[in-house]
């Protein structure tokens, strides 16, 4: 089957259709269920979009018959179930591809220059959007403000989101376009930054205040959004991803367009399995579609998503005690009161939905657990998800286990957050941050993902971060709180069967056992045998969705 220069698989015509009907055998080292104790096999047979047989090469060839296409893999290659990204925002990924990428900016001066260059390229009045800045990486670590943006782009509304996307900075024109001025009250669950002396707006926006300003910029058209989505799915295939939980529906009225975009992407040769998470504001739209866990082979209803708090880097994560590097009073923001969150979550659960609650600070974890308990009282047990659980108290792992929730973790966060986390939390709380082994040993199922575009999509980067617990460059030596490391098998399980469990898709996604979807990734080296600091450099040789190749690594 021909392969494009970038690795994408071109159409195979009638011959490809015939091969698909006869099925495909992969011969090599097949690991059908990482971390489960299931022994590797010599071959796997895909037919009709599913795994039909698994076992010795001779036995699988006998089941497949002479008409099946056979691929003998390189000696060092390993076949795993296709990676499942347990938490991402694919449509956001497509949007940011056209925005200013500010992740490598290290000073306010450089930020201002980047915005000024983009302004010089665009007609006056055109919105400039960007993402990825992180004041903790600036020298000195100073927050940007609207005065900087007004100097850089006096004729353009500017909105730049911090790397966490829970804090942003807006120019005066952007604030004016949204009708936000000095006397505008803070929205529920958010805050407009104000000068402590004058009361004037600084341009900083926290949580729901970002949404207020973002709503003023013109929405991109469907074709523009589809172009971005196609490129993101291409990148996902190249990283070995075959299924995702994606939070793409935020407001009422968006669901139909989002479903149409994913269907159009599949029709244009970019198939991906999606569990679609829907923001609680669009609960009625979800009710008109499907209950959680229902759908077809490609699109299924995921969870109703709630936000308990914000981000640690942006200081909006809700902590029990003040930030260690703050003013002694700052404890972050709860997006809802604990009582309101419990009521909203219970309502969604009673309507038949899995709920997923974003909670990064320990105070937010408290609120999320109370909300899940309210849901269990009203609707009975359900497999709900707590997203991030980044900063916990010592009692939290056992409480999560007792609540029957899935912990949705993002190991790549640790590599990025090491620049500030110890200073922000202090040594006592740091011990219970990113405490993945404690969660696992308490009996909490782990589902791993990227939170892209916050972090890169590539699962191998997160896998390495979970195993080494460093910045991916070897610092600190031996890892940060190495007692919370995961083994290679454990984290691979979290990126396959664990993430499938979080999507209510176990047995379908995340394994290569008979009956599962024929979704697989071929790695160029065995992750159990390479040095831990080399895990992210393992090449992805091929990716299969429904038994058909969607990516092959270019030769050379």
Protein backbone atom coordinates (compact mmCIF):
# COMPACT_ATOMS: atom_id res chain seq x y z
CA UNK A 1 0.00 0.00 0.00
CA UNK A 2 1.56 3.37 -0.97
CA UNK A 3 2.75 5.73 1.72
CA UNK A 4 2.96 9.52 1.48
CA UNK A 5 6.19 11.38 2.18
CA UNK A 6 4.95 12.48 5.61
CA UNK A 7 4.04 8.93 6.63
CA UNK A 8 0.30 9.05 6.01
CA UNK A 9 -1.12 6.08 4.16
CA UNK A 10 -2.61 6.85 0.78
CA UNK A 11 -5.79 5.23 -0.53
CA UNK A 12 -5.45 1.64 -1.68
CA UNK A 13 -8.25 1.44 -4.25
CA UNK A 14 -9.95 -1.85 -5.01
CA UNK A 15 -6.93 -3.94 -4.16
CA UNK A 16 -6.85 -2.39 -0.68
CA UNK A 17 -10.54 -3.16 -0.20
CA UNK A 18 -9.96 -6.79 -1.15
CA UNK A 19 -7.06 -7.05 1.28
CA UNK A 20 -9.18 -5.55 4.03
CA UNK A 21 -11.92 -8.14 3.43
CA UNK A 22 -9.38 -10.97 3.66
CA UNK A 23 -7.79 -9.49 6.76
CA UNK A 24 -4.25 -8.74 7.86
CA UNK A 25 -1.77 -10.71 9.98
CA UNK A 26 1.02 -8.99 11.88
CA UNK A 27 3.91 -11.27 12.79
CA UNK A 28 6.31 -10.16 15.50
CA UNK A 29 6.32 -9.52 19.25
CA UNK A 30 2.69 -8.77 20.10
CA UNK A 31 1.91 -7.44 23.61
CA UNK A 32 -1.89 -7.60 23.67
CA UNK A 33 -2.57 -6.16 27.14
CA UNK A 34 0.36 -4.25 28.68
CA UNK A 35 0.62 -4.43 32.46
CA UNK A 36 -1.97 -7.19 32.76
CA UNK A 37 0.20 -10.30 32.88
CA UNK A 38 -1.11 -11.60 29.53
CA UNK A 39 1.85 -13.17 27.75
CA UNK A 40 3.12 -11.78 24.44
CA UNK A 41 2.07 -13.56 21.24
CA UNK A 42 3.81 -14.21 17.94
CA UNK A 43 1.04 -12.99 15.67
CA UNK A 44 -2.31 -11.24 15.56
CA UNK A 45 -5.03 -11.40 12.91
CA UNK A 46 -7.24 -8.43 12.05
CA UNK A 47 -10.42 -8.87 10.05
CA UNK A 48 -13.63 -6.88 9.82
CA UNK A 49 -12.15 -4.13 11.95
CA UNK A 50 -11.59 -6.39 14.97
CA UNK A 51 -9.00 -8.72 16.44
CA UNK A 52 -9.99 -12.20 15.26
CA UNK A 53 -7.09 -14.33 16.45
CA UNK A 54 -3.99 -14.03 18.64
CA UNK A 55 -1.31 -16.60 19.38
CA UNK A 56 1.50 -18.50 17.73
CA UNK A 57 2.40 -17.60 14.16
CA UNK A 58 1.39 -21.02 12.87
CA UNK A 59 -1.98 -21.00 14.63
CA UNK A 60 -2.83 -17.45 13.54
CA UNK A 61 -1.83 -18.09 9.92
CA UNK A 62 -4.03 -21.18 9.93
CA UNK A 63 -7.04 -19.14 11.10
CA UNK A 64 -6.32 -16.32 8.65
CA UNK A 65 -6.02 -18.53 5.59
CA UNK A 66 -3.99 -17.97 2.44
CA UNK A 67 -5.74 -14.80 1.25
CA UNK A 68 -4.90 -12.66 4.28
CA UNK A 69 -2.18 -10.06 3.90
CA UNK A 70 0.83 -10.90 6.10
CA UNK A 71 3.28 -8.35 7.47
CA UNK A 72 6.43 -9.62 9.14
CA UNK A 73 7.69 -6.87 11.41
CA UNK A 74 11.31 -5.88 12.06
CA UNK A 75 13.11 -7.97 14.67
CA UNK A 76 13.17 -5.29 17.39
CA UNK A 77 9.61 -4.06 16.79
CA UNK A 78 6.84 -4.46 19.37
CA UNK A 79 3.11 -4.30 18.67
CA UNK A 80 0.93 -2.74 21.38
CA UNK A 81 -2.74 -1.80 21.49
CA UNK A 82 -3.20 1.63 19.97
CA UNK A 83 -2.66 4.37 22.53
CA UNK A 84 -5.80 5.94 24.01
CA UNK A 85 -5.38 9.56 25.08
CA UNK A 86 -7.44 9.74 28.25
CA UNK A 87 -7.90 13.52 28.20
CA UNK A 88 -7.34 16.06 25.44
CA UNK A 89 -9.00 18.84 23.47
CA UNK A 90 -8.51 17.98 19.80
CA UNK A 91 -10.47 20.86 18.34
CA UNK A 92 -8.49 23.29 20.49
CA UNK A 93 -5.35 21.62 19.15
CA UNK A 94 -6.54 22.42 15.64
CA UNK A 95 -7.26 26.02 16.55
CA UNK A 96 -3.92 26.72 18.21
CA UNK A 97 -2.12 25.51 15.10
CA UNK A 98 -2.95 28.93 13.58
CA UNK A 99 -2.17 30.94 16.75
CA UNK A 100 1.02 32.39 18.17
CA UNK A 101 2.98 29.62 19.86
CA UNK A 102 4.52 31.27 22.93
CA UNK A 103 5.75 28.20 24.78
CA UNK A 104 9.41 29.07 24.23
CA UNK A 105 9.14 32.73 25.26
CA UNK A 106 11.44 33.57 28.19
CA UNK A 107 10.85 37.30 28.72
CA UNK A 108 8.21 40.02 28.48
CA UNK A 109 10.31 41.76 25.82
CA UNK A 110 10.22 38.69 23.60
CA UNK A 111 6.48 38.32 24.17
CA UNK A 112 5.97 41.90 23.05
CA UNK A 113 8.13 41.39 19.94
CA UNK A 114 6.19 38.26 18.92
CA UNK A 115 2.86 40.08 19.17
CA UNK A 116 4.19 43.11 17.27
CA UNK A 117 5.46 40.91 14.43
CA UNK A 118 2.08 39.20 14.11
CA UNK A 119 0.28 42.58 14.20
CA UNK A 120 2.43 43.82 11.30
CA UNK A 121 1.20 40.86 9.21
CA UNK A 122 -2.53 41.36 9.82
CA UNK A 123 -5.07 44.04 8.85
CA UNK A 124 -6.09 46.41 11.68
CA UNK A 125 -8.99 45.04 13.72
CA UNK A 126 -8.01 41.39 13.20
CA UNK A 127 -7.86 39.41 16.42
CA UNK A 128 -4.46 38.07 17.49
CA UNK A 129 -4.61 34.95 19.61
CA UNK A 130 -1.76 33.04 21.20
CA UNK A 131 -1.09 30.40 23.80
CA UNK A 132 1.61 28.81 25.88
CA UNK A 133 3.27 31.66 27.78
CA UNK A 134 4.40 30.87 31.30
CA UNK A 135 5.47 33.72 33.58
CA UNK A 136 7.40 31.31 35.80
CA UNK A 137 9.85 30.83 32.91
CA UNK A 138 10.37 34.56 32.36
CA UNK A 139 13.47 36.30 33.64
CA UNK A 140 12.32 37.96 35.84
CA UNK A 141 9.05 35.99 36.43
CA UNK A 142 6.66 38.92 35.87
CA UNK A 143 3.07 38.65 34.65
CA UNK A 144 2.24 40.31 31.30
CA UNK A 145 -0.43 43.02 31.20
CA UNK A 146 -2.64 44.89 28.76
CA UNK A 147 -0.21 47.83 28.53
CA UNK A 148 2.38 45.53 26.95
CA UNK A 149 -0.15 44.23 24.43
CA UNK A 150 -1.43 47.74 23.65
CA UNK A 151 2.12 48.84 22.80
CA UNK A 152 2.73 45.77 20.63
CA UNK A 153 -0.60 45.84 18.74
CA UNK A 154 -2.44 49.14 19.23
CA UNK A 155 -4.89 48.40 16.38
CA UNK A 156 -5.62 44.72 17.11
CA UNK A 157 -7.61 42.96 19.85
CA UNK A 158 -5.17 40.52 21.49
CA UNK A 159 -5.93 37.50 23.68
CA UNK A 160 -3.03 35.30 24.85
CA UNK A 161 -3.73 32.23 26.98
CA UNK A 162 -1.24 30.97 29.52
CA UNK A 163 0.08 27.42 29.00
CA UNK A 164 -2.54 26.06 31.43
CA UNK A 165 -5.38 27.91 29.63
CA UNK A 166 -6.84 28.90 33.00
CA UNK A 167 -5.25 32.37 32.89
CA UNK A 168 -4.97 34.76 29.95
CA UNK A 169 -3.99 38.33 29.21
CA UNK A 170 -6.05 40.62 26.96
CA UNK A 171 -5.40 43.98 25.33
CA UNK A 172 -7.59 47.04 25.83
CA UNK A 173 -9.27 46.53 22.44
CA UNK A 174 -10.12 42.92 23.32
CA UNK A 175 -11.58 43.97 26.66
CA UNK A 176 -13.59 46.73 24.97
CA UNK A 177 -14.90 44.33 22.31
CA UNK A 178 -16.23 42.16 25.14
CA UNK A 179 -17.76 45.13 26.95
CA UNK A 180 -15.44 44.68 29.92
CA UNK A 181 -14.40 47.85 31.76
CA UNK A 182 -13.24 48.96 35.19
CA UNK A 183 -16.69 48.66 36.77
CA UNK A 184 -17.53 45.25 35.24
CA UNK A 185 -18.10 42.79 38.10
CA UNK A 186 -16.14 39.54 38.18
CA UNK A 187 -18.08 36.66 36.59
CA UNK A 188 -19.05 33.67 38.69
CA UNK A 189 -16.07 31.32 38.87
CA UNK A 190 -13.62 33.85 37.43
CA UNK A 191 -11.83 37.11 37.99
CA UNK A 192 -10.67 40.18 36.07
CA UNK A 193 -7.21 41.23 37.19
CA UNK A 194 -7.15 44.71 38.75
CA UNK A 195 -4.39 47.00 39.96
CA UNK A 196 -4.50 46.83 43.78
CA UNK A 197 -3.97 50.60 44.07
CA UNK A 198 -5.98 52.13 41.21
CA UNK A 199 -8.54 49.38 40.58
CA UNK A 200 -7.86 49.61 36.83
CA UNK A 201 -7.99 46.41 34.76
CA UNK A 202 -4.55 44.85 34.27
CA UNK A 203 -5.70 42.69 31.36
CA UNK A 204 -5.17 39.45 33.27
CA UNK A 205 -8.14 37.08 33.14
CA UNK A 206 -8.76 34.06 35.34
CA UNK A 207 -11.05 31.12 34.60
CA UNK A 208 -14.53 32.15 33.36
CA UNK A 209 -13.34 35.73 32.75
CA UNK A 210 -11.39 34.33 29.78
CA UNK A 211 -14.60 32.96 28.27
CA UNK A 212 -16.25 36.38 28.60
CA UNK A 213 -13.54 38.01 26.46
CA UNK A 214 -13.05 35.08 24.05
CA UNK A 215 -16.76 35.17 23.18
CA UNK A 216 -16.24 38.56 21.51
CA UNK A 217 -13.90 37.31 18.77
CA UNK A 218 -15.38 35.98 15.50
CA UNK A 219 -15.82 32.22 15.49
CA UNK A 220 -13.87 30.22 12.87
CA UNK A 221 -15.87 28.55 10.10
CA UNK A 222 -16.41 24.80 9.83
CA UNK A 223 -13.94 24.35 6.97
CA UNK A 224 -11.22 26.14 8.92
CA UNK A 225 -11.94 23.98 11.97
CA UNK A 226 -11.94 20.82 9.85
CA UNK A 227 -8.56 21.67 8.33
CA UNK A 228 -7.11 21.99 11.83
CA UNK A 229 -8.74 18.77 13.02
CA UNK A 230 -7.40 16.80 10.05
CA UNK A 231 -3.87 17.95 10.83
CA UNK A 232 -4.23 17.10 14.51
CA UNK A 233 -5.53 13.59 13.78
CA UNK A 234 -2.59 13.10 11.40
CA UNK A 235 -0.27 13.98 14.29
CA UNK A 236 -2.16 11.66 16.62
CA UNK A 237 -1.77 8.75 14.20
CA UNK A 238 1.96 9.50 13.89
CA UNK A 239 2.20 9.27 17.70
CA UNK A 240 0.40 5.90 17.79
CA UNK A 241 -2.92 7.23 19.07
CA UNK A 242 -6.04 5.45 17.86
CA UNK A 243 -8.67 6.71 20.32
CA UNK A 244 -9.19 9.74 22.55
CA UNK A 245 -11.39 11.27 25.20
CA UNK A 246 -11.79 14.79 23.81
CA UNK A 247 -13.55 17.69 25.50
CA UNK A 248 -14.79 19.67 22.51
CA UNK A 249 -18.34 20.66 23.41
CA UNK A 250 -18.47 23.60 25.80
CA UNK A 251 -21.66 25.54 25.11
CA UNK A 252 -25.23 24.75 24.05
CA UNK A 253 -25.59 24.36 20.30
CA UNK A 254 -22.05 23.11 19.61
CA UNK A 255 -22.63 19.36 19.70
CA UNK A 256 -24.01 18.98 16.17
CA UNK A 257 -21.10 20.80 14.57
CA UNK A 258 -18.55 18.81 16.57
CA UNK A 259 -20.09 15.49 15.54
CA UNK A 260 -20.12 16.66 11.91
CA UNK A 261 -16.44 17.61 12.09
CA UNK A 262 -15.34 14.19 13.32
CA UNK A 263 -17.50 12.42 10.75
CA UNK A 264 -16.06 14.61 7.99
CA UNK A 265 -12.53 13.86 9.19
CA UNK A 266 -13.20 10.14 8.97
CA UNK A 267 -14.68 10.50 5.48
CA UNK A 268 -11.49 12.30 4.44
CA UNK A 269 -9.28 9.46 5.56
CA UNK A 270 -8.54 10.39 9.17
CA UNK A 271 -10.38 7.78 11.29
CA UNK A 272 -10.17 8.14 15.06
CA UNK A 273 -12.28 6.72 17.86
CA UNK A 274 -13.64 9.47 20.09
CA UNK A 275 -15.36 9.53 23.46
CA UNK A 276 -16.79 13.03 23.41
CA UNK A 277 -16.85 14.92 26.68
CA UNK A 278 -19.52 17.60 26.93
CA UNK A 279 -19.38 20.62 29.22
CA UNK A 280 -22.10 20.79 31.84
CA UNK A 281 -23.54 23.89 30.12
CA UNK A 282 -24.52 21.63 27.19
CA UNK A 283 -26.11 18.84 29.26
CA UNK A 284 -29.45 19.25 27.48
CA UNK A 285 -27.73 18.72 24.11
CA UNK A 286 -26.16 15.51 25.41
CA UNK A 287 -29.57 14.35 26.62
CA UNK A 288 -30.89 14.79 23.10
CA UNK A 289 -28.05 12.68 21.74
CA UNK A 290 -26.97 9.65 23.81
CA UNK A 291 -26.22 8.43 27.35
CA UNK A 292 -22.58 7.94 28.39
CA UNK A 293 -20.88 4.93 26.82
CA UNK A 294 -23.31 4.76 23.90
CA UNK A 295 -22.60 5.47 20.25
CA UNK A 296 -21.13 3.73 17.24
CA UNK A 297 -17.67 2.33 16.56
CA UNK A 298 -16.27 5.83 16.07
CA UNK A 299 -18.17 8.36 18.16
CA UNK A 300 -19.54 7.69 21.63
CA UNK A 301 -20.86 9.89 24.37
CA UNK A 302 -18.26 10.34 27.09
CA UNK A 303 -18.80 12.32 30.25
CA UNK A 304 -20.42 15.53 31.36
CA UNK A 305 -17.45 17.64 32.40
CA UNK A 306 -17.24 20.02 35.33
CA UNK A 307 -14.51 22.32 36.58
CA UNK A 308 -13.89 22.44 40.30
CA UNK A 309 -10.88 24.76 40.03
CA UNK A 310 -8.15 26.03 37.70
CA UNK A 311 -4.41 25.43 37.36
CA UNK A 312 -1.41 25.25 39.66
CA UNK A 313 0.84 27.26 37.35
CA UNK A 314 -1.77 29.99 37.06
CA UNK A 315 -2.42 30.01 40.82
CA UNK A 316 -6.11 29.25 40.33
CA UNK A 317 -5.91 25.67 41.64
CA UNK A 318 -7.94 25.59 44.87
CA UNK A 319 -5.72 24.66 47.83
CA UNK A 320 -6.69 23.97 51.43
CA UNK A 321 -3.84 26.15 52.66
CA UNK A 322 -2.29 29.22 51.02
CA UNK A 323 0.29 28.94 48.25
CA UNK A 324 3.76 28.61 49.75
CA UNK A 325 5.14 31.31 47.45
CA UNK A 326 2.16 33.66 47.71
CA UNK A 327 1.06 36.46 49.99
CA UNK A 328 -0.10 34.13 52.77
CA UNK A 329 -3.77 34.47 51.81
CA UNK A 330 -3.99 33.23 48.22
CA UNK A 331 -5.63 29.79 47.97
CA UNK A 332 -6.86 29.74 44.35
CA UNK A 333 -10.44 29.63 43.07
CA UNK A 334 -13.30 27.18 43.25
CA UNK A 335 -15.38 27.50 40.09
CA UNK A 336 -18.53 26.58 42.07
CA UNK A 337 -19.31 26.42 45.74
CA UNK A 338 -19.04 22.82 46.97
CA UNK A 339 -22.83 22.72 47.40
CA UNK A 340 -23.50 23.98 43.87
CA UNK A 341 -20.99 21.54 42.35
CA UNK A 342 -22.58 18.63 44.21
CA UNK A 343 -26.04 19.62 42.98
CA UNK A 344 -24.93 19.97 39.35
CA UNK A 345 -22.98 16.70 39.35
CA UNK A 346 -25.85 14.79 40.94
CA UNK A 347 -28.23 16.16 38.31
CA UNK A 348 -26.02 14.89 35.47
CA UNK A 349 -25.52 11.49 37.08
CA UNK A 350 -29.26 11.11 37.66
CA UNK A 351 -29.79 11.75 33.94
CA UNK A 352 -27.62 8.70 33.15
CA UNK A 353 -24.27 10.35 32.59
CA UNK A 354 -20.77 9.62 33.71
CA UNK A 355 -19.30 12.80 35.18
CA UNK A 356 -15.71 14.01 34.95
CA UNK A 357 -14.52 16.70 37.33
CA UNK A 358 -11.40 18.78 36.77
CA UNK A 359 -9.70 19.09 40.17
CA UNK A 360 -6.07 20.09 40.60
CA UNK A 361 -5.78 21.46 44.15
CA UNK A 362 -6.49 19.47 47.30
CA UNK A 363 -9.44 21.71 48.18
CA UNK A 364 -10.89 21.01 44.73
CA UNK A 365 -10.37 17.27 45.24
CA UNK A 366 -12.38 17.59 48.47
CA UNK A 367 -15.20 19.29 46.55
CA UNK A 368 -15.06 16.75 43.72
CA UNK A 369 -15.24 13.78 46.09
CA UNK A 370 -18.21 15.33 47.90
CA UNK A 371 -19.91 15.85 44.53
CA UNK A 372 -19.33 12.23 43.50
CA UNK A 373 -20.77 11.08 46.81
CA UNK A 374 -23.86 13.22 46.17
CA UNK A 375 -24.16 11.62 42.73
CA UNK A 376 -23.88 8.13 44.22
CA UNK A 377 -26.62 8.89 46.75
CA UNK A 378 -28.96 10.18 44.05
CA UNK A 379 -28.14 7.94 41.08
CA UNK A 380 -26.33 4.93 42.51
CA UNK A 381 -22.80 3.75 41.72
CA UNK A 382 -21.24 4.95 38.49
CA UNK A 383 -17.79 4.98 37.00
CA UNK A 384 -17.03 8.67 37.34
CA UNK A 385 -13.70 10.36 36.66
CA UNK A 386 -11.60 12.88 38.53
CA UNK A 387 -9.36 14.73 36.10
CA UNK A 388 -5.79 15.63 37.13
CA UNK A 389 -5.98 15.04 40.95
CA UNK A 390 -2.65 16.82 40.85
CA UNK A 391 -2.28 17.94 44.49
CA UNK A 392 -3.72 15.56 47.06
CA UNK A 393 -3.87 15.21 50.80
CA UNK A 394 -2.58 11.93 52.33
CA UNK A 395 -6.11 10.58 52.79
CA UNK A 396 -7.22 11.23 49.22
CA UNK A 397 -6.00 8.03 47.46
CA UNK A 398 -8.06 5.83 49.78
CA UNK A 399 -11.05 8.15 49.42
CA UNK A 400 -10.86 8.01 45.63
CA UNK A 401 -10.75 4.22 45.79
CA UNK A 402 -13.77 4.12 48.08
CA UNK A 403 -15.66 6.43 45.73
CA UNK A 404 -15.05 4.06 42.80
CA UNK A 405 -13.68 6.80 40.55
CA UNK A 406 -11.11 6.65 37.77
CA UNK A 407 -8.13 9.01 38.22
CA UNK A 408 -7.37 10.69 34.91
CA UNK A 409 -3.68 11.63 35.10
CA UNK A 410 -1.35 13.60 32.82
CA UNK A 411 2.22 12.43 33.51
CA UNK A 412 3.74 14.97 31.11
CA UNK A 413 2.56 17.75 33.45
CA UNK A 414 5.26 16.80 35.93
CA UNK A 415 8.08 17.41 33.46
CA UNK A 416 6.74 20.91 32.78
CA UNK A 417 5.77 21.82 36.34
CA UNK A 418 9.08 20.93 37.97
CA UNK A 419 10.19 24.51 37.26
CA UNK A 420 7.88 25.82 40.01
CA UNK A 421 5.98 23.10 41.84
CA UNK A 422 8.22 22.69 44.90
CA UNK A 423 8.33 26.43 45.53
CA UNK A 424 4.60 26.79 44.97
CA UNK A 425 3.51 23.98 47.27
CA UNK A 426 6.30 23.67 49.82
CA UNK A 427 7.89 20.31 50.75
CA UNK A 428 4.98 18.90 52.76
CA UNK A 429 2.33 19.19 50.05
CA UNK A 430 4.83 18.30 47.32
CA UNK A 431 5.03 14.77 48.68
CA UNK A 432 1.39 14.26 47.65
CA UNK A 433 1.56 15.94 44.25
CA UNK A 434 1.43 13.77 41.12
CA UNK A 435 1.20 10.79 43.47
CA UNK A 436 0.44 8.15 40.86
CA UNK A 437 1.82 5.11 42.68
CA UNK A 438 -0.12 6.00 45.80
CA UNK A 439 -3.29 6.12 43.73
CA UNK A 440 -2.56 2.80 42.05
CA UNK A 441 -1.65 1.04 45.30
CA UNK A 442 -4.87 2.32 46.87
CA UNK A 443 -6.77 0.54 44.08
CA UNK A 444 -7.70 3.57 41.98
CA UNK A 445 -7.83 2.81 38.22
CA UNK A 446 -5.52 5.13 36.26
CA UNK A 447 -6.35 6.61 32.86
CA UNK A 448 -3.49 8.55 31.28
CA UNK A 449 -3.61 11.33 28.72
CA UNK A 450 -1.95 14.51 27.51
CA UNK A 451 -4.42 17.36 28.04
CA UNK A 452 -3.21 18.56 24.63
CA UNK A 453 -2.74 21.32 23.61
CA UNK A 454 -1.57 22.04 27.18
CA UNK A 455 1.10 19.35 26.67
CA UNK A 456 2.23 17.50 23.52
CA UNK A 457 -0.01 14.71 22.26
CA UNK A 458 2.84 12.15 22.10
CA UNK A 459 2.09 9.39 24.65
CA UNK A 460 5.73 8.32 24.79
CA UNK A 461 6.64 11.63 26.41
CA UNK A 462 4.11 11.05 29.17
CA UNK A 463 5.23 7.44 29.52
CA UNK A 464 8.81 8.54 30.08
CA UNK A 465 7.73 11.22 32.57
CA UNK A 466 5.80 8.65 34.62
CA UNK A 467 8.78 6.29 34.72
CA UNK A 468 11.58 8.83 35.35
CA UNK A 469 9.69 11.64 37.19
CA UNK A 470 12.12 14.24 35.90
CA UNK A 471 12.07 17.07 33.35
CA UNK A 472 12.85 14.59 30.51
CA UNK A 473 16.42 15.91 30.56
CA UNK A 474 17.47 13.97 33.67
CA UNK A 475 16.85 16.67 36.26
CA UNK A 476 16.55 16.07 39.15
CA UNK A 477 18.86 13.03 39.10
CA UNK A 478 16.97 9.97 40.23
CA UNK A 479 13.62 11.68 39.77
CA UNK A 480 11.40 13.95 41.87
CA UNK A 481 9.77 11.94 44.67
CA UNK A 482 10.79 8.71 42.91
CA UNK A 483 8.64 6.67 45.30
CA UNK A 484 5.68 7.74 43.13
CA UNK A 485 7.09 6.38 39.85
CA UNK A 486 5.14 3.96 37.70
CA UNK A 487 6.73 1.00 35.93
CA UNK A 488 6.73 0.78 32.14
CA UNK A 489 3.96 -1.83 32.19
CA UNK A 490 1.84 0.16 34.62
CA UNK A 491 1.96 3.37 32.63
CA UNK A 492 1.42 1.59 29.32
CA UNK A 493 -1.67 0.04 30.87
CA UNK A 494 -2.86 3.54 31.84
CA UNK A 495 -2.43 4.71 28.23
CA UNK A 496 -4.31 1.70 26.82
CA UNK A 497 -6.75 -0.38 28.88
CA UNK A 498 -6.89 2.20 31.67
CA UNK A 499 -7.94 5.00 29.35
CA UNK A 500 -10.41 2.64 27.67
CA UNK A 501 -11.92 1.91 31.09
CA UNK A 502 -12.28 5.64 31.69
CA UNK A 503 -14.24 5.91 28.44
CA UNK A 504 -16.51 2.95 29.34
CA UNK A 505 -14.93 1.19 26.35
CA UNK A 506 -13.05 -1.67 27.99
CA UNK A 507 -12.83 -4.76 25.82
CA UNK A 508 -13.17 -2.59 22.71
CA UNK A 509 -10.30 -0.11 23.03
CA UNK A 510 -6.93 -0.56 24.67
CA UNK A 511 -6.20 -4.24 24.06
CA UNK A 512 -5.44 -6.67 21.25
CA UNK A 513 -7.39 -9.55 22.70
CA UNK A 514 -9.90 -11.28 20.40
CA UNK A 515 -13.04 -9.21 19.93
CA UNK A 516 -11.34 -5.88 20.53
CA UNK A 517 -11.11 -3.22 17.86
CA UNK A 518 -8.13 -3.85 15.57
CA UNK A 519 -6.28 -0.72 16.66
CA UNK A 520 -2.55 -1.08 17.15
CA UNK A 521 0.75 0.78 17.27
CA UNK A 522 4.06 -0.71 16.15
CA UNK A 523 7.05 0.63 18.09
CA UNK A 524 10.59 0.35 16.76
CA UNK A 525 11.99 -0.82 20.11
CA UNK A 526 10.75 -2.67 23.17
CA UNK A 527 9.82 -0.12 25.89
CA UNK A 528 10.63 -2.71 28.59
CA UNK A 529 14.19 -3.04 27.27
CA UNK A 530 15.28 0.52 26.45
CA UNK A 531 16.80 2.83 29.05
CA UNK A 532 14.09 4.88 30.80
CA UNK A 533 15.49 8.19 29.52
CA UNK A 534 15.17 6.87 25.93
CA UNK A 535 11.47 5.97 26.08
CA UNK A 536 10.25 9.12 24.34
CA UNK A 537 12.70 8.54 21.49
CA UNK A 538 11.28 5.13 20.52
CA UNK A 539 10.09 5.51 16.91
CA UNK A 540 6.49 4.80 15.98
CA UNK A 541 6.80 2.60 12.89
CA UNK A 542 3.11 2.21 12.08
CA UNK A 543 -0.38 2.79 13.41
CA UNK A 544 -3.48 0.76 12.53
CA UNK A 545 -7.10 1.74 13.05
CA UNK A 546 -9.71 -0.91 12.37
CA UNK A 547 -6.98 -3.19 11.05
CA UNK A 548 -5.91 -0.74 8.35
CA UNK A 549 -2.71 1.31 8.35
CA UNK A 550 -3.25 5.03 8.90
CA UNK A 551 0.42 5.86 9.40
CA UNK A 552 3.75 4.35 8.40
CA UNK A 553 7.06 5.89 9.33
CA UNK A 554 8.84 7.15 6.20
CA UNK A 555 11.94 5.21 5.24
CA UNK A 556 15.34 6.76 5.89
